[in-house]
Amino acid sequence: MKNIKNSSKDKNETAYFGMGCFWGPDDFFSKLKGAIETTVGYSGGDKIDPNYHDLGDHTETIKIEFDPNIVSYKQLLGYFFKKHDPGFETKTQYRSVIFYINDEQKKEAQEALINYNKKYGKKALTKIEKLKKFYRAEEYHQKYFQKNNVKGIC
């Protein structure tokens, strides 16, 4: 008998978002129906092997592996815009960014950004960029809220 989780893994997709501090988004998305696994890390910069104390030009990023039969990329984009302030100007480490991995994700991200701006009548500062590389953050950052019994946002 096939393990259902493993047989469906081939159909899973991945999303990458920068939404400020990565602990809160990790906590939220890890509990979302359809999310298979979440990992926090660093993306968007040129520094090789960044770490929390030496990020270079990277952004704190959440990687979400998800089952598109349960939650779509478009729905994840909706949560992306609801769960942080995309109009808040900040340093590169905490910026609002959608990292796409293919043309379909790029198109959906662009549409979501346009819809956000129209709906709220303000301009999101969210960037849409091709994912170059995702570096997994240090273990103490993974599931930080759950490990430390923290509630809320960061």
C-alpha atoms as a PDB file:
ATOM      1  CA  MET A   1       0.000   0.000   0.000  1.00  0.00           C
ATOM      2  CA  LYS A   2       1.325   3.427  -0.960  1.00  0.00           C
ATOM      3  CA  ASN A   3       1.889   6.092   1.635  1.00  0.00           C
ATOM      4  CA  ILE A   4      -0.627   8.774   0.672  1.00  0.00           C
ATOM      5  CA  LYS A   5       1.534  11.667   1.876  1.00  0.00           C
ATOM      6  CA  ASN A   6       4.498  10.516  -0.211  1.00  0.00           C
ATOM      7  CA  SER A   7       2.443   9.779  -3.311  1.00  0.00           C
ATOM      8  CA  SER A   8       0.912  13.274  -3.252  1.00  0.00           C
ATOM      9  CA  LYS A   9       4.282  14.955  -2.651  1.00  0.00           C
ATOM     10  CA  ASP A  10       4.946  15.004  -6.401  1.00  0.00           C
ATOM     11  CA  LYS A  11       1.930  17.296  -6.783  1.00  0.00           C
ATOM     12  CA  ASN A  12       2.947  19.756  -4.085  1.00  0.00           C
ATOM     13  CA  GLU A  13       4.058  23.263  -4.969  1.00  0.00           C
ATOM     14  CA  THR A  14       6.200  25.820  -3.185  1.00  0.00           C
ATOM     15  CA  ALA A  15       5.732  29.517  -2.433  1.00  0.00           C
ATOM     16  CA  TYR A  16       8.311  31.983  -1.074  1.00  0.00           C
ATOM     17  CA  PHE A  17       7.328  35.216   0.682  1.00  0.00           C
ATOM     18  CA  GLY A  18       9.137  37.976   2.548  1.00  0.00           C
ATOM     19  CA  MET A  19       6.702  39.511   5.051  1.00  0.00           C
ATOM     20  CA  GLY A  20       8.824  41.284   7.638  1.00  0.00           C
ATOM     21  CA  CYS A  21       9.977  39.097  10.507  1.00  0.00           C
ATOM     22  CA  PHE A  22       9.593  35.454   9.434  1.00  0.00           C
ATOM     23  CA  TRP A  23       8.451  33.978  12.775  1.00  0.00           C
ATOM     24  CA  GLY A  24       4.833  35.200  12.571  1.00  0.00           C
ATOM     25  CA  PRO A  25       4.253  34.120   8.957  1.00  0.00           C
ATOM     26  CA  ASP A  26       5.835  30.744   9.746  1.00  0.00           C
ATOM     27  CA  ASP A  27       3.422  30.268  12.641  1.00  0.00           C
ATOM     28  CA  PHE A  28       0.415  31.269  10.534  1.00  0.00           C
ATOM     29  CA  PHE A  29       1.207  29.306   7.360  1.00  0.00           C
ATOM     30  CA  SER A  30       2.343  26.186   9.246  1.00  0.00           C
ATOM     31  CA  LYS A  31      -1.206  25.874  10.649  1.00  0.00           C
ATOM     32  CA  LEU A  32      -2.980  26.571   7.351  1.00  0.00           C
ATOM     33  CA  LYS A  33      -4.962  23.703   5.860  1.00  0.00           C
ATOM     34  CA  GLY A  34      -3.097  22.566   2.763  1.00  0.00           C
ATOM     35  CA  ALA A  35       0.330  23.628   3.992  1.00  0.00           C
ATOM     36  CA  ILE A  36       2.577  20.578   4.036  1.00  0.00           C
ATOM     37  CA  GLU A  37       5.709  22.135   5.477  1.00  0.00           C
ATOM     38  CA  THR A  38       7.069  25.601   6.227  1.00  0.00           C
ATOM     39  CA  THR A  39      10.692  26.631   6.572  1.00  0.00           C
ATOM     40  CA  VAL A  40      12.196  30.023   7.333  1.00  0.00           C
ATOM     41  CA  GLY A  41      15.299  31.313   5.643  1.00  0.00           C
ATOM     42  CA  TYR A  42      16.922  34.018   3.584  1.00  0.00           C
ATOM     43  CA  SER A  43      16.479  34.978  -0.078  1.00  0.00           C
ATOM     44  CA  GLY A  44      16.911  37.776  -2.554  1.00  0.00           C
ATOM     45  CA  GLY A  45      20.523  38.704  -2.000  1.00  0.00           C
ATOM     46  CA  ASP A  46      23.903  37.911  -3.435  1.00  0.00           C
ATOM     47  CA  LYS A  47      25.726  36.875  -0.257  1.00  0.00           C
ATOM     48  CA  ILE A  48      26.550  33.155  -0.215  1.00  0.00           C
ATOM     49  CA  ASP A  49      25.493  31.259   2.919  1.00  0.00           C
ATOM     50  CA  PRO A  50      23.978  34.168   4.850  1.00  0.00           C
ATOM     51  CA  ASN A  51      23.132  33.822   8.509  1.00  0.00           C
ATOM     52  CA  TYR A  52      21.025  35.895  10.882  1.00  0.00           C
ATOM     53  CA  HIS A  53      23.976  37.971  12.079  1.00  0.00           C
ATOM     54  CA  ASP A  54      25.397  38.449   8.580  1.00  0.00           C
ATOM     55  CA  LEU A  55      22.479  38.601   6.124  1.00  0.00           C
ATOM     56  CA  GLY A  56      24.103  40.804   3.552  1.00  0.00           C
ATOM     57  CA  ASP A  57      21.350  41.950   1.192  1.00  0.00           C
ATOM     58  CA  HIS A  58      18.951  39.042   1.877  1.00  0.00           C
ATOM     59  CA  THR A  59      15.364  39.176   3.136  1.00  0.00           C
ATOM     60  CA  GLU A  60      13.834  37.002   5.848  1.00  0.00           C
ATOM     61  CA  THR A  61      11.711  34.582   3.827  1.00  0.00           C
ATOM     62  CA  ILE A  62       9.093  31.908   4.482  1.00  0.00           C
ATOM     63  CA  LYS A  63       9.098  28.835   2.244  1.00  0.00           C
ATOM     64  CA  ILE A  64       5.699  27.152   2.077  1.00  0.00           C
ATOM     65  CA  GLU A  65       5.312  23.712   0.573  1.00  0.00           C
ATOM     66  CA  PHE A  66       1.594  23.279  -0.124  1.00  0.00           C
ATOM     67  CA  ASP A  67      -0.954  21.001  -1.733  1.00  0.00           C
ATOM     68  CA  PRO A  68      -2.636  23.038  -4.500  1.00  0.00           C
ATOM     69  CA  ASN A  69      -5.650  20.716  -4.343  1.00  0.00           C
ATOM     70  CA  ILE A  70      -6.355  22.095  -0.851  1.00  0.00           C
ATOM     71  CA  VAL A  71      -5.017  25.662  -0.973  1.00  0.00           C
ATOM     72  CA  SER A  72      -4.092  27.490  -4.163  1.00  0.00           C
ATOM     73  CA  TYR A  73      -1.163  29.810  -4.788  1.00  0.00           C
ATOM     74  CA  LYS A  74      -3.718  32.570  -5.378  1.00  0.00           C
ATOM     75  CA  GLN A  75      -5.177  31.947  -1.911  1.00  0.00           C
ATOM     76  CA  LEU A  76      -1.687  32.037  -0.389  1.00  0.00           C
ATOM     77  CA  LEU A  77      -1.152  35.403  -2.075  1.00  0.00           C
ATOM     78  CA  GLY A  78      -4.376  36.607  -0.454  1.00  0.00           C
ATOM     79  CA  TYR A  79      -3.055  35.595   2.963  1.00  0.00           C
ATOM     80  CA  PHE A  80       0.288  37.206   2.116  1.00  0.00           C
ATOM     81  CA  PHE A  81      -1.400  40.588   1.681  1.00  0.00           C
ATOM     82  CA  LYS A  82      -3.692  40.160   4.723  1.00  0.00           C
ATOM     83  CA  LYS A  83      -1.054  39.007   7.203  1.00  0.00           C
ATOM     84  CA  HIS A  84       1.432  41.876   6.936  1.00  0.00           C
ATOM     85  CA  ASP A  85       1.556  45.538   5.969  1.00  0.00           C
ATOM     86  CA  PRO A  86       2.899  45.669   2.401  1.00  0.00           C
ATOM     87  CA  GLY A  87       2.951  49.475   2.530  1.00  0.00           C
ATOM     88  CA  PHE A  88       5.423  49.690   5.391  1.00  0.00           C
ATOM     89  CA  GLU A  89       8.836  50.912   4.273  1.00  0.00           C
ATOM     90  CA  THR A  90      11.647  49.070   6.013  1.00  0.00           C
ATOM     91  CA  LYS A  91      15.153  47.759   5.519  1.00  0.00           C
ATOM     92  CA  THR A  92      15.920  44.918   3.119  1.00  0.00           C
ATOM     93  CA  GLN A  93      15.882  42.267   5.860  1.00  0.00           C
ATOM     94  CA  TYR A  94      12.166  42.830   6.530  1.00  0.00           C
ATOM     95  CA  ARG A  95      10.851  43.984   3.155  1.00  0.00           C
ATOM     96  CA  SER A  96       7.647  42.826   1.504  1.00  0.00           C
ATOM     97  CA  VAL A  97       8.517  40.575  -1.426  1.00  0.00           C
ATOM     98  CA  ILE A  98       7.055  37.692  -3.402  1.00  0.00           C
ATOM     99  CA  PHE A  99       9.698  35.389  -4.842  1.00  0.00           C
ATOM    100  CA  TYR A 100       8.293  33.495  -7.817  1.00  0.00           C
ATOM    101  CA  ILE A 101       9.680  30.266  -9.237  1.00  0.00           C
ATOM    102  CA  ASN A 102       7.874  30.155 -12.587  1.00  0.00           C
ATOM    103  CA  ASP A 103       5.958  32.366 -15.021  1.00  0.00           C
ATOM    104  CA  GLU A 104       2.574  31.287 -13.658  1.00  0.00           C
ATOM    105  CA  GLN A 105       3.497  32.381 -10.124  1.00  0.00           C
ATOM    106  CA  LYS A 106       4.890  35.654 -11.482  1.00  0.00           C
ATOM    107  CA  LYS A 107       1.642  36.397 -13.320  1.00  0.00           C
ATOM    108  CA  GLU A 108      -0.517  35.549 -10.285  1.00  0.00           C
ATOM    109  CA  ALA A 109       1.702  37.666  -8.012  1.00  0.00           C
ATOM    110  CA  GLN A 110       1.457  40.648 -10.374  1.00  0.00           C
ATOM    111  CA  GLU A 111      -2.344  40.290 -10.510  1.00  0.00           C
ATOM    112  CA  ALA A 112      -2.577  40.030  -6.713  1.00  0.00           C
ATOM    113  CA  LEU A 113      -0.478  43.178  -6.296  1.00  0.00           C
ATOM    114  CA  ILE A 114      -2.644  45.123  -8.758  1.00  0.00           C
ATOM    115  CA  ASN A 115      -5.803  43.894  -7.001  1.00  0.00           C
ATOM    116  CA  TYR A 116      -4.429  44.887  -3.581  1.00  0.00           C
ATOM    117  CA  ASN A 117      -3.609  48.399  -4.795  1.00  0.00           C
ATOM    118  CA  LYS A 118      -7.077  48.805  -6.344  1.00  0.00           C
ATOM    119  CA  LYS A 119      -8.928  47.361  -3.360  1.00  0.00           C
ATOM    120  CA  TYR A 120      -7.186  49.463  -0.722  1.00  0.00           C
ATOM    121  CA  GLY A 121      -6.474  52.545  -2.814  1.00  0.00           C
ATOM    122  CA  LYS A 122      -2.867  52.620  -1.767  1.00  0.00           C
ATOM    123  CA  LYS A 123       0.364  51.385  -3.249  1.00  0.00           C
ATOM    124  CA  ALA A 124       1.939  48.299  -1.753  1.00  0.00           C
ATOM    125  CA  LEU A 125       5.726  48.427  -1.644  1.00  0.00           C
ATOM    126  CA  THR A 126       5.829  44.698  -2.351  1.00  0.00           C
ATOM    127  CA  LYS A 127       8.472  43.608  -4.836  1.00  0.00           C
ATOM    128  CA  ILE A 128       8.032  40.633  -7.144  1.00  0.00           C
ATOM    129  CA  GLU A 129      11.306  38.896  -7.917  1.00  0.00           C
ATOM    130  CA  LYS A 130      12.522  35.643  -9.396  1.00  0.00           C
ATOM    131  CA  LEU A 131      13.831  33.361  -6.639  1.00  0.00           C
ATOM    132  CA  LYS A 132      17.577  32.938  -7.030  1.00  0.00           C
ATOM    133  CA  LYS A 133      18.258  30.810  -3.988  1.00  0.00           C
ATOM    134  CA  PHE A 134      16.701  30.040  -0.623  1.00  0.00           C
ATOM    135  CA  TYR A 135      19.036  29.523   2.329  1.00  0.00           C
ATOM    136  CA  ARG A 136      17.522  27.738   5.325  1.00  0.00           C
ATOM    137  CA  ALA A 137      17.802  29.814   8.516  1.00  0.00           C
ATOM    138  CA  GLU A 138      19.455  28.540  11.660  1.00  0.00           C
ATOM    139  CA  GLU A 139      17.570  25.833  13.556  1.00  0.00           C
ATOM    140  CA  TYR A 140      16.620  28.109  16.456  1.00  0.00           C
ATOM    141  CA  HIS A 141      14.538  30.199  14.002  1.00  0.00           C
ATOM    142  CA  GLN A 142      12.534  27.205  12.738  1.00  0.00           C
ATOM    143  CA  LYS A 143       9.058  27.079  14.385  1.00  0.00           C
ATOM    144  CA  TYR A 144      10.254  29.773  16.798  1.00  0.00           C
ATOM    145  CA  PHE A 145       6.796  30.665  18.123  1.00  0.00           C
ATOM    146  CA  GLN A 146       5.869  27.017  18.778  1.00  0.00           C
ATOM    147  CA  LYS A 147       9.214  26.176  20.416  1.00  0.00           C
ATOM    148  CA  ASN A 148       9.090  29.243  22.669  1.00  0.00           C
ATOM    149  CA  ASN A 149       5.337  29.305  23.329  1.00  0.00           C
ATOM    150  CA  VAL A 150       5.013  32.773  21.809  1.00  0.00           C
ATOM    151  CA  LYS A 151       1.685  34.089  20.558  1.00  0.00           C
ATOM    152  CA  GLY A 152       0.987  37.048  18.302  1.00  0.00           C
ATOM    153  CA  ILE A 153       3.211  38.663  15.745  1.00  0.00           C
ATOM    154  CA  CYS A 154       6.793  39.861  15.718  1.00  0.00           C
END
